[in-house]
């Protein structure tokens, strides 16, 4: 799904002018991606629904604070991530251990290797069935600290640019690169620890 930042800005401005239909169009444009994003923090359908609804409610009430310095979508991502993490904390859960959705698990050929700006983590075994790859990836991601998992999700699932990730997380591009590098190293280390049989694929 391609983003339409210029059209988004028009809809935001119309929403601020009192056009509720314009905000509804923004909701319809991004709700599917918000559901996908939130599933990285909980697989409970009711919780996902609550978090996504809360995300759009917050976005609507905070719309006057949108500075238009980044895209509406990256601004919305930031609200969704913070809402999901706050939701987990209110329930007494450790966000580090929040489950991943196997249907959306990071595809091994889409995760970068040990370089911060190029290359991808190779598939441990291209012959593995899709659900097995998803299960393994889910387990590895579940071992990562939240700050590493979130940056991987934004880069590999949402395919955001480094600048957009920096905007979402409120950090510098240098920090994004550093965090991605460490996240990919952590991913590789945990994969090797949990599934040492994939060693040859990593070193080939």
N, C-alpha and C. Protein backbone atom coordinates (compact mmCIF):
# COMPACT_ATOMS: atom_id res chain seq x y z
N UNK A 1 0.85 -1.20 0.00
CA UNK A 1 0.00 0.00 0.00
C UNK A 1 0.88 1.24 0.00
N UNK A 2 0.75 2.08 -0.97
CA UNK A 2 1.56 3.28 -1.05
C UNK A 2 0.98 4.38 -0.18
N UNK A 3 1.90 5.11 0.46
CA UNK A 3 1.46 6.22 1.27
C UNK A 3 1.21 7.43 0.39
N UNK A 4 0.31 8.28 0.82
CA UNK A 4 -0.01 9.49 0.04
C UNK A 4 0.08 10.69 0.97
N UNK A 5 1.33 11.09 1.34
CA UNK A 5 1.51 12.14 2.35
C UNK A 5 0.85 13.47 1.99
N UNK A 6 0.91 13.87 0.71
CA UNK A 6 0.31 15.14 0.34
C UNK A 6 -1.20 15.10 0.51
N UNK A 7 -1.81 14.02 0.09
CA UNK A 7 -3.25 13.86 0.25
C UNK A 7 -3.60 13.75 1.73
N UNK A 8 -2.73 13.10 2.51
CA UNK A 8 -2.95 13.01 3.95
C UNK A 8 -3.02 14.40 4.58
N UNK A 9 -2.12 15.25 4.17
CA UNK A 9 -2.09 16.60 4.74
C UNK A 9 -3.38 17.36 4.42
N UNK A 10 -3.88 17.14 3.23
CA UNK A 10 -5.14 17.79 2.86
C UNK A 10 -6.27 17.27 3.76
N UNK A 11 -6.30 15.97 3.98
CA UNK A 11 -7.35 15.38 4.81
C UNK A 11 -7.22 15.84 6.27
N UNK A 12 -5.98 15.97 6.74
CA UNK A 12 -5.75 16.45 8.10
C UNK A 12 -6.29 17.87 8.24
N UNK A 13 -5.97 18.72 7.28
CA UNK A 13 -6.41 20.11 7.34
C UNK A 13 -7.92 20.21 7.27
N UNK A 14 -8.53 19.38 6.43
CA UNK A 14 -9.99 19.37 6.34
C UNK A 14 -10.62 18.88 7.64
N UNK A 15 -9.97 17.90 8.27
CA UNK A 15 -10.46 17.39 9.56
C UNK A 15 -10.41 18.48 10.62
N UNK A 16 -9.32 19.22 10.64
CA UNK A 16 -9.17 20.30 11.60
C UNK A 16 -10.19 21.41 11.36
N UNK A 17 -10.64 21.50 10.12
CA UNK A 17 -11.66 22.52 9.77
C UNK A 17 -13.06 22.04 10.09
N UNK A 18 -13.16 20.79 10.61
CA UNK A 18 -14.47 20.29 11.02
C UNK A 18 -15.09 19.24 10.12
N UNK A 19 -14.36 18.80 9.10
CA UNK A 19 -14.89 17.79 8.19
C UNK A 19 -14.58 16.40 8.75
N UNK A 20 -15.57 15.78 9.38
CA UNK A 20 -15.38 14.47 9.99
C UNK A 20 -15.16 13.38 8.95
N UNK A 21 -15.72 13.55 7.76
CA UNK A 21 -15.54 12.57 6.71
C UNK A 21 -14.07 12.45 6.31
N UNK A 22 -13.36 13.55 6.34
CA UNK A 22 -11.95 13.53 5.97
C UNK A 22 -11.14 12.68 6.95
N UNK A 23 -11.43 12.80 8.23
CA UNK A 23 -10.71 11.97 9.20
C UNK A 23 -11.10 10.51 9.03
N UNK A 24 -12.37 10.24 8.73
CA UNK A 24 -12.81 8.88 8.49
C UNK A 24 -12.05 8.27 7.32
N UNK A 25 -11.74 9.06 6.31
CA UNK A 25 -10.97 8.58 5.17
C UNK A 25 -9.54 8.21 5.60
N UNK A 26 -9.00 8.98 6.52
CA UNK A 26 -7.67 8.65 7.06
C UNK A 26 -7.72 7.34 7.83
N UNK A 27 -8.78 7.16 8.61
CA UNK A 27 -8.95 5.91 9.36
C UNK A 27 -9.02 4.73 8.40
N UNK A 28 -9.84 4.84 7.38
CA UNK A 28 -10.01 3.76 6.42
C UNK A 28 -8.71 3.47 5.67
N UNK A 29 -7.93 4.51 5.44
CA UNK A 29 -6.67 4.33 4.72
C UNK A 29 -5.65 3.55 5.53
N UNK A 30 -5.63 3.76 6.83
CA UNK A 30 -4.55 3.21 7.64
C UNK A 30 -4.96 2.18 8.69
N UNK A 31 -6.23 1.88 8.83
CA UNK A 31 -6.62 0.97 9.90
C UNK A 31 -6.06 -0.44 9.71
N UNK A 32 -5.97 -0.91 8.47
CA UNK A 32 -5.43 -2.25 8.24
C UNK A 32 -3.97 -2.33 8.68
N UNK A 33 -3.22 -1.29 8.37
CA UNK A 33 -1.81 -1.28 8.76
C UNK A 33 -1.65 -1.10 10.26
N UNK A 34 -2.57 -0.38 10.88
CA UNK A 34 -2.52 -0.24 12.33
C UNK A 34 -2.80 -1.57 13.02
N UNK A 35 -3.77 -2.32 12.49
CA UNK A 35 -4.05 -3.64 13.04
C UNK A 35 -2.82 -4.53 12.92
N UNK A 36 -2.15 -4.48 11.77
CA UNK A 36 -0.96 -5.30 11.56
C UNK A 36 0.15 -4.90 12.53
N UNK A 37 0.33 -3.61 12.73
CA UNK A 37 1.37 -3.13 13.63
C UNK A 37 1.09 -3.55 15.07
N UNK A 38 -0.14 -3.38 15.51
CA UNK A 38 -0.49 -3.69 16.90
C UNK A 38 -0.38 -5.19 17.18
N UNK A 39 -0.56 -6.01 16.17
CA UNK A 39 -0.45 -7.47 16.38
C UNK A 39 0.95 -7.90 16.80
N UNK A 40 1.92 -7.02 16.66
CA UNK A 40 3.26 -7.35 17.14
C UNK A 40 3.37 -7.22 18.65
N UNK A 41 2.32 -6.71 19.29
CA UNK A 41 2.34 -6.50 20.73
C UNK A 41 1.30 -7.34 21.47
N UNK A 42 0.31 -7.83 20.77
CA UNK A 42 -0.67 -8.74 21.36
C UNK A 42 -1.39 -9.47 20.23
N UNK A 43 -1.78 -10.72 20.50
CA UNK A 43 -2.53 -11.48 19.51
C UNK A 43 -4.00 -11.58 19.90
N UNK A 44 -4.36 -11.00 21.04
CA UNK A 44 -5.74 -11.04 21.49
C UNK A 44 -6.58 -10.11 20.63
N UNK A 45 -7.57 -10.64 19.88
CA UNK A 45 -8.36 -9.79 18.97
C UNK A 45 -9.06 -8.63 19.66
N UNK A 46 -9.56 -8.86 20.86
CA UNK A 46 -10.25 -7.79 21.58
C UNK A 46 -9.27 -6.69 21.96
N UNK A 47 -8.09 -7.09 22.43
CA UNK A 47 -7.08 -6.11 22.80
C UNK A 47 -6.60 -5.32 21.59
N UNK A 48 -6.40 -6.02 20.48
CA UNK A 48 -5.98 -5.35 19.24
C UNK A 48 -7.01 -4.29 18.84
N UNK A 49 -8.27 -4.69 18.87
CA UNK A 49 -9.34 -3.77 18.51
C UNK A 49 -9.34 -2.55 19.42
N UNK A 50 -9.19 -2.77 20.73
CA UNK A 50 -9.19 -1.67 21.69
C UNK A 50 -8.01 -0.72 21.45
N UNK A 51 -6.83 -1.29 21.20
CA UNK A 51 -5.63 -0.46 21.00
C UNK A 51 -5.74 0.37 19.73
N UNK A 52 -6.24 -0.26 18.66
CA UNK A 52 -6.37 0.46 17.40
C UNK A 52 -7.41 1.58 17.53
N UNK A 53 -8.53 1.28 18.16
CA UNK A 53 -9.55 2.32 18.36
C UNK A 53 -9.00 3.46 19.20
N UNK A 54 -8.26 3.10 20.25
CA UNK A 54 -7.67 4.12 21.12
C UNK A 54 -6.65 4.95 20.35
N UNK A 55 -5.92 4.30 19.46
CA UNK A 55 -4.92 5.00 18.64
C UNK A 55 -5.58 6.08 17.79
N UNK A 56 -6.66 5.71 17.11
CA UNK A 56 -7.32 6.69 16.25
C UNK A 56 -8.03 7.77 17.06
N UNK A 57 -8.55 7.41 18.23
CA UNK A 57 -9.16 8.41 19.09
C UNK A 57 -8.12 9.44 19.54
N UNK A 58 -6.96 8.94 19.95
CA UNK A 58 -5.88 9.84 20.35
C UNK A 58 -5.43 10.70 19.18
N UNK A 59 -5.33 10.08 18.01
CA UNK A 59 -4.91 10.83 16.83
C UNK A 59 -5.89 11.96 16.53
N UNK A 60 -7.17 11.67 16.66
CA UNK A 60 -8.18 12.69 16.39
C UNK A 60 -8.10 13.84 17.39
N UNK A 61 -7.97 13.49 18.67
CA UNK A 61 -7.93 14.54 19.69
C UNK A 61 -6.62 15.33 19.65
N UNK A 62 -5.57 14.70 19.18
CA UNK A 62 -4.26 15.37 19.13
C UNK A 62 -3.96 15.97 17.75
N UNK A 63 -4.91 15.89 16.86
CA UNK A 63 -4.68 16.37 15.50
C UNK A 63 -4.14 17.80 15.44
N UNK A 64 -4.59 18.70 16.32
CA UNK A 64 -4.05 20.07 16.28
C UNK A 64 -2.56 20.14 16.57
N UNK A 65 -1.99 19.08 17.17
CA UNK A 65 -0.56 19.09 17.50
C UNK A 65 0.29 18.53 16.36
N UNK A 66 -0.35 17.99 15.33
CA UNK A 66 0.40 17.44 14.19
C UNK A 66 1.11 18.58 13.47
N UNK A 67 2.43 18.50 13.40
CA UNK A 67 3.24 19.61 12.89
C UNK A 67 3.50 19.56 11.39
N UNK A 68 3.13 18.47 10.74
CA UNK A 68 3.34 18.30 9.30
C UNK A 68 4.82 18.23 8.93
N UNK A 69 5.68 18.00 9.91
CA UNK A 69 7.10 17.86 9.61
C UNK A 69 7.44 16.44 9.19
N UNK A 70 6.58 15.51 9.52
CA UNK A 70 6.72 14.13 9.07
C UNK A 70 5.39 13.72 8.48
N UNK A 71 5.32 12.53 7.91
CA UNK A 71 4.07 12.09 7.32
C UNK A 71 3.05 11.76 8.41
N UNK A 72 1.80 11.85 8.06
CA UNK A 72 0.74 11.50 9.00
C UNK A 72 0.90 10.06 9.46
N UNK A 73 1.31 9.19 8.54
CA UNK A 73 1.44 7.78 8.90
C UNK A 73 2.50 7.54 9.96
N UNK A 74 3.67 8.18 9.84
CA UNK A 74 4.70 7.98 10.86
C UNK A 74 4.25 8.55 12.20
N UNK A 75 3.52 9.65 12.16
CA UNK A 75 2.96 10.22 13.39
C UNK A 75 1.97 9.25 14.01
N UNK A 76 1.15 8.62 13.19
CA UNK A 76 0.17 7.66 13.66
C UNK A 76 0.85 6.42 14.23
N UNK A 77 1.93 5.99 13.59
CA UNK A 77 2.69 4.83 14.09
C UNK A 77 3.20 5.08 15.50
N UNK A 78 3.69 6.28 15.72
CA UNK A 78 4.22 6.61 17.04
C UNK A 78 3.12 6.52 18.10
N UNK A 79 1.96 7.02 17.79
CA UNK A 79 0.83 6.94 18.72
C UNK A 79 0.45 5.49 18.97
N UNK A 80 0.40 4.69 17.91
CA UNK A 80 0.01 3.28 18.04
C UNK A 80 0.99 2.50 18.90
N UNK A 81 2.28 2.70 18.68
CA UNK A 81 3.28 1.97 19.45
C UNK A 81 3.21 2.35 20.92
N UNK A 82 3.13 3.64 21.20
CA UNK A 82 3.04 4.09 22.60
C UNK A 82 1.77 3.59 23.26
N UNK A 83 0.67 3.58 22.51
CA UNK A 83 -0.60 3.08 23.05
C UNK A 83 -0.51 1.60 23.36
N UNK A 84 0.10 0.83 22.46
CA UNK A 84 0.25 -0.61 22.68
C UNK A 84 1.12 -0.91 23.88
N UNK A 85 2.23 -0.19 24.02
CA UNK A 85 3.13 -0.41 25.15
C UNK A 85 2.47 0.00 26.46
N UNK A 86 1.75 1.12 26.46
CA UNK A 86 1.05 1.54 27.66
C UNK A 86 -0.02 0.52 28.06
N UNK A 87 -0.69 -0.03 27.06
CA UNK A 87 -1.72 -1.05 27.31
C UNK A 87 -1.10 -2.27 27.99
N UNK A 88 0.04 -2.71 27.49
CA UNK A 88 0.72 -3.87 28.08
C UNK A 88 1.14 -3.58 29.52
N UNK A 89 1.65 -2.38 29.76
CA UNK A 89 2.10 -2.03 31.10
C UNK A 89 0.93 -1.97 32.08
N UNK A 90 -0.23 -1.46 31.61
CA UNK A 90 -1.40 -1.39 32.48
C UNK A 90 -1.86 -2.77 32.90
N UNK A 91 -1.63 -3.75 32.04
CA UNK A 91 -2.01 -5.13 32.35
C UNK A 91 -0.92 -5.87 33.11
N UNK A 92 0.15 -5.16 33.42
CA UNK A 92 1.24 -5.77 34.17
C UNK A 92 2.10 -6.70 33.35
N UNK A 93 2.08 -6.54 32.03
CA UNK A 93 2.88 -7.39 31.16
C UNK A 93 4.21 -6.73 30.84
N UNK A 94 5.19 -7.57 30.58
CA UNK A 94 6.49 -7.07 30.15
C UNK A 94 6.47 -6.98 28.63
N UNK A 95 6.53 -5.77 28.05
CA UNK A 95 6.49 -5.64 26.59
C UNK A 95 7.56 -6.42 25.87
N UNK A 96 8.68 -6.71 26.57
CA UNK A 96 9.75 -7.47 25.94
C UNK A 96 9.25 -8.85 25.53
N UNK A 97 8.30 -9.39 26.31
CA UNK A 97 7.82 -10.74 26.05
C UNK A 97 6.50 -10.76 25.30
N UNK A 98 6.02 -9.60 24.86
CA UNK A 98 4.77 -9.59 24.10
C UNK A 98 4.91 -10.47 22.87
N UNK A 99 3.87 -11.24 22.57
CA UNK A 99 3.96 -12.23 21.50
C UNK A 99 3.88 -11.59 20.13
N UNK A 100 4.36 -12.33 19.14
CA UNK A 100 4.27 -11.92 17.75
C UNK A 100 3.17 -12.73 17.07
N UNK A 101 2.61 -12.19 16.03
CA UNK A 101 1.59 -12.88 15.26
C UNK A 101 2.28 -13.74 14.21
N UNK A 102 2.13 -15.08 14.24
CA UNK A 102 2.79 -15.93 13.25
C UNK A 102 2.44 -15.54 11.82
N UNK A 103 1.24 -15.03 11.60
CA UNK A 103 0.84 -14.64 10.25
C UNK A 103 1.65 -13.46 9.74
N UNK A 104 2.21 -12.69 10.69
CA UNK A 104 2.94 -11.48 10.30
C UNK A 104 4.40 -11.57 10.69
N UNK A 105 4.85 -12.77 11.07
CA UNK A 105 6.21 -12.91 11.56
C UNK A 105 7.20 -12.48 10.50
N UNK A 106 8.32 -11.93 10.97
CA UNK A 106 9.32 -11.39 10.08
C UNK A 106 9.82 -12.45 9.13
N UNK A 107 9.67 -12.20 7.84
CA UNK A 107 10.15 -13.14 6.83
C UNK A 107 11.67 -13.13 6.86
N UNK A 108 12.31 -14.30 7.00
CA UNK A 108 13.77 -14.33 7.16
C UNK A 108 14.53 -13.70 6.00
N UNK A 109 13.93 -13.63 4.81
CA UNK A 109 14.66 -13.02 3.70
C UNK A 109 14.44 -11.53 3.65
N UNK A 110 13.75 -10.96 4.68
CA UNK A 110 13.51 -9.53 4.70
C UNK A 110 14.21 -8.85 5.86
N UNK A 111 14.92 -9.60 6.70
CA UNK A 111 15.63 -9.00 7.81
C UNK A 111 17.09 -8.84 7.44
N UNK A 112 17.61 -7.69 7.72
CA UNK A 112 18.98 -7.41 7.35
C UNK A 112 19.93 -8.20 8.21
N UNK A 113 21.14 -8.44 7.69
CA UNK A 113 22.14 -9.16 8.44
C UNK A 113 22.87 -8.27 9.41
N UNK A 114 24.16 -8.38 9.46
CA UNK A 114 24.92 -7.64 10.48
C UNK A 114 25.32 -6.26 10.03
N UNK A 115 24.95 -5.83 8.82
CA UNK A 115 25.28 -4.49 8.36
C UNK A 115 24.12 -3.55 8.63
N UNK A 116 24.38 -2.32 9.07
CA UNK A 116 23.31 -1.41 9.44
C UNK A 116 22.56 -0.80 8.28
N UNK A 117 23.10 -0.83 7.06
CA UNK A 117 22.43 -0.12 5.98
C UNK A 117 22.16 -0.95 4.75
N UNK A 118 22.66 -2.19 4.67
CA UNK A 118 22.42 -2.97 3.47
C UNK A 118 22.45 -4.44 3.79
N UNK A 119 21.90 -5.28 2.88
CA UNK A 119 21.88 -6.71 3.06
C UNK A 119 20.67 -7.16 3.85
N UNK A 120 20.36 -8.45 3.75
CA UNK A 120 19.22 -9.00 4.47
C UNK A 120 19.63 -10.28 5.17
N UNK A 121 18.95 -10.59 6.27
CA UNK A 121 19.17 -11.85 6.94
C UNK A 121 18.70 -12.96 6.01
N UNK A 122 19.54 -13.91 5.69
CA UNK A 122 19.12 -14.96 4.78
C UNK A 122 18.18 -15.94 5.46
N UNK A 123 17.36 -16.60 4.68
CA UNK A 123 16.47 -17.62 5.22
C UNK A 123 17.31 -18.75 5.79
N UNK A 124 17.03 -19.21 7.03
CA UNK A 124 17.80 -20.30 7.62
C UNK A 124 17.76 -21.55 6.74
N UNK A 125 16.64 -21.79 6.15
CA UNK A 125 16.49 -22.95 5.28
C UNK A 125 15.30 -22.69 4.38
N UNK A 126 15.57 -22.46 3.11
CA UNK A 126 14.50 -22.10 2.18
C UNK A 126 13.47 -23.20 2.04
N UNK A 127 13.85 -24.40 2.47
CA UNK A 127 12.93 -25.53 2.33
C UNK A 127 11.93 -25.61 3.49
N UNK A 128 12.14 -24.85 4.50
CA UNK A 128 11.22 -24.88 5.63
C UNK A 128 9.83 -24.43 5.19
N UNK A 129 8.82 -25.04 5.75
CA UNK A 129 7.46 -24.60 5.48
C UNK A 129 7.26 -23.20 6.05
N UNK A 130 6.37 -22.44 5.44
CA UNK A 130 6.13 -21.06 5.85
C UNK A 130 5.77 -20.95 7.32
N UNK A 131 4.90 -21.82 7.80
CA UNK A 131 4.47 -21.71 9.19
C UNK A 131 5.60 -22.05 10.15
N UNK A 132 6.51 -22.94 9.73
CA UNK A 132 7.65 -23.27 10.59
C UNK A 132 8.61 -22.09 10.67
N UNK A 133 8.85 -21.44 9.54
CA UNK A 133 9.69 -20.25 9.53
C UNK A 133 9.07 -19.17 10.42
N UNK A 134 7.75 -19.00 10.30
CA UNK A 134 7.06 -17.99 11.11
C UNK A 134 7.17 -18.32 12.59
N UNK A 135 7.02 -19.61 12.93
CA UNK A 135 7.10 -20.02 14.34
C UNK A 135 8.48 -19.74 14.90
N UNK A 136 9.50 -20.09 14.15
CA UNK A 136 10.88 -19.87 14.60
C UNK A 136 11.16 -18.38 14.75
N UNK A 137 10.76 -17.61 13.75
CA UNK A 137 11.00 -16.17 13.80
C UNK A 137 10.27 -15.54 14.96
N UNK A 138 9.05 -16.00 15.20
CA UNK A 138 8.26 -15.48 16.32
C UNK A 138 9.00 -15.71 17.62
N UNK A 139 9.54 -16.90 17.79
CA UNK A 139 10.26 -17.22 19.02
C UNK A 139 11.49 -16.36 19.21
N UNK A 140 12.22 -16.13 18.12
CA UNK A 140 13.43 -15.30 18.21
C UNK A 140 13.07 -13.86 18.53
N UNK A 141 12.08 -13.32 17.83
CA UNK A 141 11.68 -11.93 18.09
C UNK A 141 11.18 -11.76 19.52
N UNK A 142 10.54 -12.80 20.04
CA UNK A 142 10.04 -12.72 21.41
C UNK A 142 11.14 -12.61 22.45
N UNK A 143 12.38 -12.94 22.05
CA UNK A 143 13.52 -12.85 22.95
C UNK A 143 14.18 -11.47 22.93
N UNK A 144 13.79 -10.63 21.97
CA UNK A 144 14.44 -9.33 21.84
C UNK A 144 13.82 -8.29 22.76
N UNK A 145 14.63 -7.39 23.31
CA UNK A 145 14.08 -6.24 24.06
C UNK A 145 13.17 -5.43 23.15
N UNK A 146 12.20 -4.77 23.73
CA UNK A 146 11.19 -4.06 22.94
C UNK A 146 11.80 -3.02 22.01
N UNK A 147 12.83 -2.31 22.46
CA UNK A 147 13.40 -1.26 21.62
C UNK A 147 14.00 -1.83 20.34
N UNK A 148 14.53 -3.05 20.42
CA UNK A 148 15.09 -3.68 19.23
C UNK A 148 13.99 -4.24 18.34
N UNK A 149 13.01 -4.86 18.97
CA UNK A 149 11.93 -5.44 18.16
C UNK A 149 11.16 -4.34 17.42
N UNK A 150 10.87 -3.25 18.10
CA UNK A 150 10.11 -2.17 17.46
C UNK A 150 10.83 -1.60 16.26
N UNK A 151 12.14 -1.40 16.38
CA UNK A 151 12.87 -0.82 15.25
C UNK A 151 12.92 -1.80 14.09
N UNK A 152 12.97 -3.10 14.38
CA UNK A 152 12.93 -4.10 13.31
C UNK A 152 11.56 -4.12 12.64
N UNK A 153 10.52 -4.03 13.45
CA UNK A 153 9.16 -4.03 12.90
C UNK A 153 8.97 -2.84 11.96
N UNK A 154 9.40 -1.67 12.41
CA UNK A 154 9.21 -0.47 11.59
C UNK A 154 10.00 -0.53 10.30
N UNK A 155 11.19 -1.11 10.36
CA UNK A 155 12.03 -1.18 9.17
C UNK A 155 11.62 -2.33 8.25
N UNK A 156 11.40 -3.52 8.82
CA UNK A 156 11.21 -4.70 8.00
C UNK A 156 9.75 -4.97 7.65
N UNK A 157 8.84 -4.68 8.56
CA UNK A 157 7.43 -4.87 8.26
C UNK A 157 6.83 -3.64 7.59
N UNK A 158 7.04 -2.50 8.22
CA UNK A 158 6.44 -1.27 7.72
C UNK A 158 7.27 -0.63 6.62
N UNK A 159 8.51 -1.07 6.48
CA UNK A 159 9.41 -0.59 5.44
C UNK A 159 9.58 0.94 5.48
N UNK A 160 9.64 1.46 6.70
CA UNK A 160 9.85 2.90 6.85
C UNK A 160 11.31 3.25 6.59
N UNK A 161 11.52 4.45 6.12
CA UNK A 161 12.89 4.94 5.92
C UNK A 161 13.53 5.19 7.28
N UNK A 162 14.84 5.36 7.29
CA UNK A 162 15.53 5.65 8.53
C UNK A 162 15.02 6.96 9.14
N UNK A 163 14.77 7.94 8.29
CA UNK A 163 14.27 9.22 8.78
C UNK A 163 12.89 9.04 9.41
N UNK A 164 12.02 8.27 8.77
CA UNK A 164 10.68 8.04 9.31
C UNK A 164 10.74 7.30 10.64
N UNK A 165 11.64 6.32 10.72
CA UNK A 165 11.79 5.58 11.99
C UNK A 165 12.26 6.54 13.08
N UNK A 166 13.19 7.41 12.72
CA UNK A 166 13.68 8.40 13.68
C UNK A 166 12.54 9.28 14.16
N UNK A 167 11.65 9.68 13.23
CA UNK A 167 10.51 10.51 13.59
C UNK A 167 9.54 9.77 14.50
N UNK A 168 9.28 8.50 14.18
CA UNK A 168 8.35 7.70 14.98
C UNK A 168 8.86 7.52 16.40
N UNK A 169 10.14 7.21 16.54
CA UNK A 169 10.70 6.88 17.85
C UNK A 169 11.28 8.09 18.58
N UNK A 170 11.36 9.23 17.87
CA UNK A 170 11.90 10.41 18.51
C UNK A 170 13.38 10.31 18.80
N UNK A 171 14.13 9.67 17.89
CA UNK A 171 15.57 9.49 18.06
C UNK A 171 16.27 9.96 16.79
N UNK A 172 17.59 10.04 16.83
CA UNK A 172 18.34 10.48 15.66
C UNK A 172 18.50 9.33 14.67
N UNK A 173 18.84 9.69 13.43
CA UNK A 173 19.08 8.66 12.42
C UNK A 173 20.26 7.79 12.83
N UNK A 174 21.27 8.39 13.43
CA UNK A 174 22.41 7.62 13.91
C UNK A 174 22.00 6.58 14.94
N UNK A 175 21.08 6.96 15.82
CA UNK A 175 20.58 6.02 16.82
C UNK A 175 19.77 4.92 16.16
N UNK A 176 19.01 5.27 15.13
CA UNK A 176 18.26 4.25 14.38
C UNK A 176 19.21 3.23 13.80
N UNK A 177 20.25 3.70 13.14
CA UNK A 177 21.22 2.80 12.52
C UNK A 177 21.88 1.91 13.56
N UNK A 178 22.28 2.51 14.67
CA UNK A 178 22.92 1.75 15.74
C UNK A 178 21.97 0.71 16.32
N UNK A 179 20.73 1.14 16.54
CA UNK A 179 19.76 0.23 17.15
C UNK A 179 19.41 -0.92 16.20
N UNK A 180 19.29 -0.60 14.91
CA UNK A 180 19.02 -1.65 13.92
C UNK A 180 20.18 -2.64 13.86
N UNK A 181 21.39 -2.12 13.87
CA UNK A 181 22.56 -2.98 13.83
C UNK A 181 22.54 -3.95 15.02
N UNK A 182 22.31 -3.40 16.20
CA UNK A 182 22.30 -4.24 17.39
C UNK A 182 21.12 -5.21 17.38
N UNK A 183 19.98 -4.75 16.86
CA UNK A 183 18.80 -5.61 16.79
C UNK A 183 19.06 -6.81 15.89
N UNK A 184 19.70 -6.56 14.75
CA UNK A 184 19.97 -7.65 13.82
C UNK A 184 21.01 -8.63 14.37
N UNK A 185 21.99 -8.07 15.09
CA UNK A 185 22.97 -8.94 15.74
C UNK A 185 22.29 -9.78 16.81
N UNK A 186 21.43 -9.14 17.61
CA UNK A 186 20.70 -9.88 18.64
C UNK A 186 19.83 -10.96 18.02
N UNK A 187 19.17 -10.62 16.91
CA UNK A 187 18.31 -11.59 16.24
C UNK A 187 19.14 -12.80 15.81
N UNK A 188 20.29 -12.53 15.21
CA UNK A 188 21.15 -13.62 14.74
C UNK A 188 21.65 -14.47 15.92
N UNK A 189 22.07 -13.80 16.98
CA UNK A 189 22.58 -14.52 18.15
C UNK A 189 21.51 -15.42 18.76
N UNK A 190 20.29 -14.90 18.89
CA UNK A 190 19.22 -15.69 19.48
C UNK A 190 18.82 -16.83 18.55
N UNK A 191 18.82 -16.57 17.25
CA UNK A 191 18.50 -17.63 16.30
C UNK A 191 19.52 -18.75 16.41
N UNK A 192 20.80 -18.40 16.48
CA UNK A 192 21.85 -19.41 16.58
C UNK A 192 21.77 -20.17 17.90
N UNK A 193 21.39 -19.46 18.97
CA UNK A 193 21.30 -20.10 20.27
C UNK A 193 20.12 -21.06 20.34
N UNK A 194 19.00 -20.64 19.77
CA UNK A 194 17.79 -21.46 19.83
C UNK A 194 17.77 -22.54 18.74
N UNK A 195 18.41 -22.24 17.61
CA UNK A 195 18.39 -23.17 16.47
C UNK A 195 19.78 -23.27 15.85
N UNK A 196 20.71 -23.89 16.57
CA UNK A 196 22.10 -23.97 16.06
C UNK A 196 22.21 -24.74 14.75
N UNK A 197 21.18 -25.51 14.42
CA UNK A 197 21.22 -26.26 13.16
C UNK A 197 21.24 -25.36 11.94
N UNK A 198 20.94 -24.06 12.14
CA UNK A 198 20.94 -23.12 11.02
C UNK A 198 22.28 -22.45 10.82
N UNK A 199 23.30 -22.89 11.55
CA UNK A 199 24.60 -22.23 11.51
C UNK A 199 25.19 -22.14 10.12
N UNK A 200 25.09 -23.21 9.35
CA UNK A 200 25.70 -23.20 8.03
C UNK A 200 25.05 -22.16 7.12
N UNK A 201 23.75 -21.96 7.30
CA UNK A 201 23.06 -20.96 6.47
C UNK A 201 23.51 -19.55 6.79
N UNK A 202 23.87 -19.34 8.07
CA UNK A 202 24.29 -17.99 8.45
C UNK A 202 25.70 -17.69 7.98
N UNK A 203 26.53 -18.72 7.90
CA UNK A 203 27.93 -18.48 7.54
C UNK A 203 28.19 -18.67 6.06
N UNK A 204 27.18 -19.16 5.32
CA UNK A 204 27.39 -19.39 3.90
C UNK A 204 27.24 -18.11 3.10
